[in-house]
Amino acid sequence: MHRTDSGYAPDHLTRLLEALEPDLHAIAARFRLPAGEFDEVYQDTALAFLSRRGPIRSPRQWILAVFRNRCLLYWRTRRRRFIEAVDASLLAELGGCHDPRPQRDLRHDLRGALAGLPARCRALLGLRYGLEQSSPQVAARQGARAAAVRQATRRCLSALSRCLVATGFLEGPP
């Protein structure tokens, strides 16, 4: 019988995954994982299990935990991509550049979402993107640490993306 590095035979893993499938679907539903993404997260989890070096004390709990973490990672990655896509428009909007390209709708949505943010976030994003200052420059101006400014900027961008999602700009995570 052939065994993987994790010490489990492929047929044993197949039976284990088949038994866990209802639990995995429940986790996917709880995280609102799109149906088309389930297979990829499922396969990533199985691959992580197979490539695991050393014994796993509780394969069932390990697989469920890894699957949950992969669902979270899916939404973090999607949110990060969305924030990166918004960055260019945010720079243009806060910098006063009115480019007549197709991003006009995004700028309009962005203006409304920015208005819904707390004053501190608007000020921080205005310094960071409107005046094109780096995190250390914003930190010096506000009397804070650069790491704290980077973290606050991420939180403000996340809040901005949630505002955009709430206004129907993009279907988002739970």
Protein backbone atom coordinates (compact mmCIF):
# COMPACT_ATOMS: atom_id res chain seq x y z
CA MET A 1 0.00 0.00 0.00
CA HIS A 2 1.42 3.39 -1.03
CA ARG A 3 1.48 6.07 1.67
CA THR A 4 1.88 9.83 1.35
CA ASP A 5 4.34 11.95 3.35
CA SER A 6 1.59 12.58 5.89
CA GLY A 7 1.34 8.81 6.47
CA TYR A 8 -2.09 8.26 4.89
CA ALA A 9 -2.90 6.06 1.93
CA PRO A 10 -4.70 7.87 -0.92
CA ASP A 11 -7.78 5.64 -0.57
CA HIS A 12 -7.95 6.49 3.15
CA LEU A 13 -7.78 10.20 2.30
CA THR A 14 -10.52 9.79 -0.31
CA ARG A 15 -12.83 8.12 2.23
CA LEU A 16 -12.02 10.80 4.83
CA LEU A 17 -12.76 13.65 2.41
CA GLU A 18 -15.99 12.00 1.26
CA ALA A 19 -17.10 11.68 4.89
CA LEU A 20 -16.20 15.35 5.54
CA GLU A 21 -17.83 16.71 2.40
CA PRO A 22 -21.12 17.76 4.09
CA ASP A 23 -19.13 19.61 6.78
CA LEU A 24 -16.97 21.27 4.11
CA HIS A 25 -20.07 22.39 2.20
CA ALA A 26 -21.51 23.81 5.44
CA ILE A 27 -18.29 25.77 6.06
CA ALA A 28 -18.32 27.03 2.47
CA ALA A 29 -21.94 28.16 2.88
CA ARG A 30 -21.13 29.93 6.15
CA PHE A 31 -18.31 31.83 4.43
CA ARG A 32 -20.48 32.43 1.34
CA LEU A 33 -17.83 30.87 -0.82
CA PRO A 34 -19.00 31.05 -4.46
CA ALA A 35 -19.96 27.63 -5.80
CA GLY A 36 -17.30 27.82 -8.49
CA GLU A 37 -14.58 28.33 -5.88
CA PHE A 38 -15.49 25.35 -3.68
CA ASP A 39 -13.57 22.83 -5.80
CA GLU A 40 -10.42 24.93 -5.80
CA VAL A 41 -10.45 25.44 -2.02
CA TYR A 42 -11.31 21.75 -1.55
CA GLN A 43 -8.39 20.67 -3.76
CA ASP A 44 -5.99 23.11 -2.06
CA THR A 45 -6.97 21.61 1.29
CA ALA A 46 -6.46 18.03 0.05
CA LEU A 47 -3.10 18.98 -1.46
CA ALA A 48 -2.01 20.63 1.80
CA PHE A 49 -2.95 17.43 3.61
CA LEU A 50 -1.04 15.26 1.17
CA SER A 51 2.06 17.45 1.22
CA ARG A 52 2.09 17.70 5.02
CA ARG A 53 5.28 16.28 6.47
CA GLY A 54 4.89 14.34 9.65
CA PRO A 55 1.87 12.88 11.42
CA ILE A 56 -1.42 14.66 11.89
CA ARG A 57 -3.04 13.81 15.20
CA SER A 58 -6.59 14.51 14.17
CA PRO A 59 -6.99 14.48 10.37
CA ARG A 60 -10.67 15.42 10.58
CA GLN A 61 -10.09 18.57 12.65
CA TRP A 62 -6.98 19.43 10.65
CA ILE A 63 -8.80 19.29 7.32
CA LEU A 64 -11.76 21.31 8.62
CA ALA A 65 -9.45 23.97 10.09
CA VAL A 66 -7.38 24.23 6.91
CA PHE A 67 -10.54 24.46 4.79
CA ARG A 68 -11.88 27.27 7.02
CA ASN A 69 -8.57 29.09 6.75
CA ARG A 70 -8.56 28.70 2.95
CA CYS A 71 -12.08 30.19 2.82
CA LEU A 72 -10.86 33.19 4.83
CA LEU A 73 -7.83 33.48 2.58
CA TYR A 74 -10.09 33.48 -0.49
CA TRP A 75 -11.97 36.55 0.80
CA ARG A 76 -8.81 38.33 1.95
CA THR A 77 -7.28 37.87 -1.49
CA ARG A 78 -10.44 39.05 -3.23
CA ARG A 79 -10.72 42.08 -0.93
CA ARG A 80 -7.03 42.92 -1.50
CA ARG A 81 -7.50 42.78 -5.29
CA PHE A 82 -10.53 45.03 -5.01
CA ILE A 83 -8.65 47.53 -2.85
CA GLU A 84 -5.75 47.56 -5.30
CA ALA A 85 -8.17 48.22 -8.16
CA VAL A 86 -9.70 51.10 -6.22
CA ASP A 87 -6.27 52.63 -5.43
CA ALA A 88 -5.72 54.18 -8.88
CA SER A 89 -9.19 55.73 -8.92
CA LEU A 90 -8.78 56.87 -5.33
CA LEU A 91 -5.51 58.57 -6.22
CA ALA A 92 -7.16 60.30 -9.17
CA GLU A 93 -10.24 61.33 -7.18
CA LEU A 94 -8.43 62.64 -4.13
CA GLY A 95 -5.75 64.25 -6.25
CA GLY A 96 -8.35 66.17 -8.21
CA CYS A 97 -7.48 64.52 -11.53
CA HIS A 98 -10.64 64.13 -13.55
CA ASP A 99 -9.75 61.74 -16.30
CA PRO A 100 -12.64 61.19 -18.75
CA ARG A 101 -11.95 57.46 -18.95
CA PRO A 102 -14.56 54.80 -18.07
CA GLN A 103 -13.68 55.09 -14.39
CA ARG A 104 -16.13 57.99 -14.08
CA ASP A 105 -18.73 55.70 -12.39
CA LEU A 106 -16.14 54.42 -9.94
CA ARG A 107 -15.14 57.99 -9.06
CA HIS A 108 -18.79 58.84 -8.44
CA ASP A 109 -19.23 55.78 -6.21
CA LEU A 110 -15.93 56.56 -4.54
CA ARG A 111 -17.00 60.10 -3.70
CA GLY A 112 -20.15 58.78 -2.02
CA ALA A 113 -18.29 56.04 -0.15
CA LEU A 114 -15.64 58.51 1.07
CA ALA A 115 -18.38 60.75 2.43
CA GLY A 116 -19.64 57.81 4.49
CA LEU A 117 -16.29 57.22 6.19
CA PRO A 118 -15.34 58.67 9.58
CA ALA A 119 -13.48 62.00 9.42
CA ARG A 120 -10.24 60.36 10.59
CA CYS A 121 -10.29 57.91 7.67
CA ARG A 122 -11.10 60.68 5.19
CA ALA A 123 -8.20 62.74 6.55
CA LEU A 124 -5.81 59.79 6.48
CA LEU A 125 -6.76 58.76 2.94
CA GLY A 126 -6.59 62.40 1.85
CA LEU A 127 -3.02 62.70 3.13
CA ARG A 128 -1.96 59.30 1.86
CA TYR A 129 -3.53 59.41 -1.59
CA GLY A 130 -4.67 62.99 -2.18
CA LEU A 131 -1.32 64.52 -1.26
CA GLU A 132 0.54 61.36 -2.31
CA GLN A 133 2.45 61.12 0.97
CA SER A 134 4.15 57.94 2.09
CA SER A 135 3.26 56.22 5.35
CA PRO A 136 6.37 57.64 7.11
CA GLN A 137 5.44 61.16 5.93
CA VAL A 138 1.86 60.80 7.16
CA ALA A 139 3.16 59.33 10.43
CA ALA A 140 5.49 62.30 10.98
CA ARG A 141 2.65 64.69 10.26
CA GLN A 142 0.30 62.95 12.68
CA GLY A 143 2.88 62.11 15.35
CA ALA A 144 2.39 58.37 14.92
CA ARG A 145 4.48 55.36 13.93
CA ALA A 146 4.66 54.45 10.24
CA ALA A 147 3.49 50.90 11.02
CA ALA A 148 0.42 52.31 12.78
CA VAL A 149 -0.33 54.51 9.75
CA ARG A 150 0.00 51.54 7.37
CA GLN A 151 -2.37 49.50 9.54
CA ALA A 152 -4.86 52.38 9.82
CA THR A 153 -4.66 52.90 6.04
CA ARG A 154 -5.49 49.23 5.46
CA ARG A 155 -8.44 49.49 7.85
CA CYS A 156 -9.68 52.67 6.15
CA LEU A 157 -9.34 51.11 2.69
CA SER A 158 -11.20 48.06 3.96
CA ALA A 159 -13.96 50.32 5.33
CA LEU A 160 -14.04 52.12 1.99
CA SER A 161 -14.41 48.83 0.13
CA ARG A 162 -17.22 47.79 2.52
CA CYS A 163 -18.99 51.10 1.80
CA LEU A 164 -18.66 50.45 -1.93
CA VAL A 165 -19.99 46.92 -1.50
CA ALA A 166 -22.90 48.23 0.62
CA THR A 167 -23.86 50.62 -2.17
CA GLY A 168 -23.97 47.71 -4.61
CA PHE A 169 -20.70 48.43 -6.38
CA LEU A 170 -19.45 44.86 -5.95
CA GLU A 171 -20.82 41.72 -4.37
CA GLY A 172 -18.58 40.99 -1.43
CA PRO A 173 -17.74 38.66 1.44
CA PRO A 174 -19.82 38.11 4.54
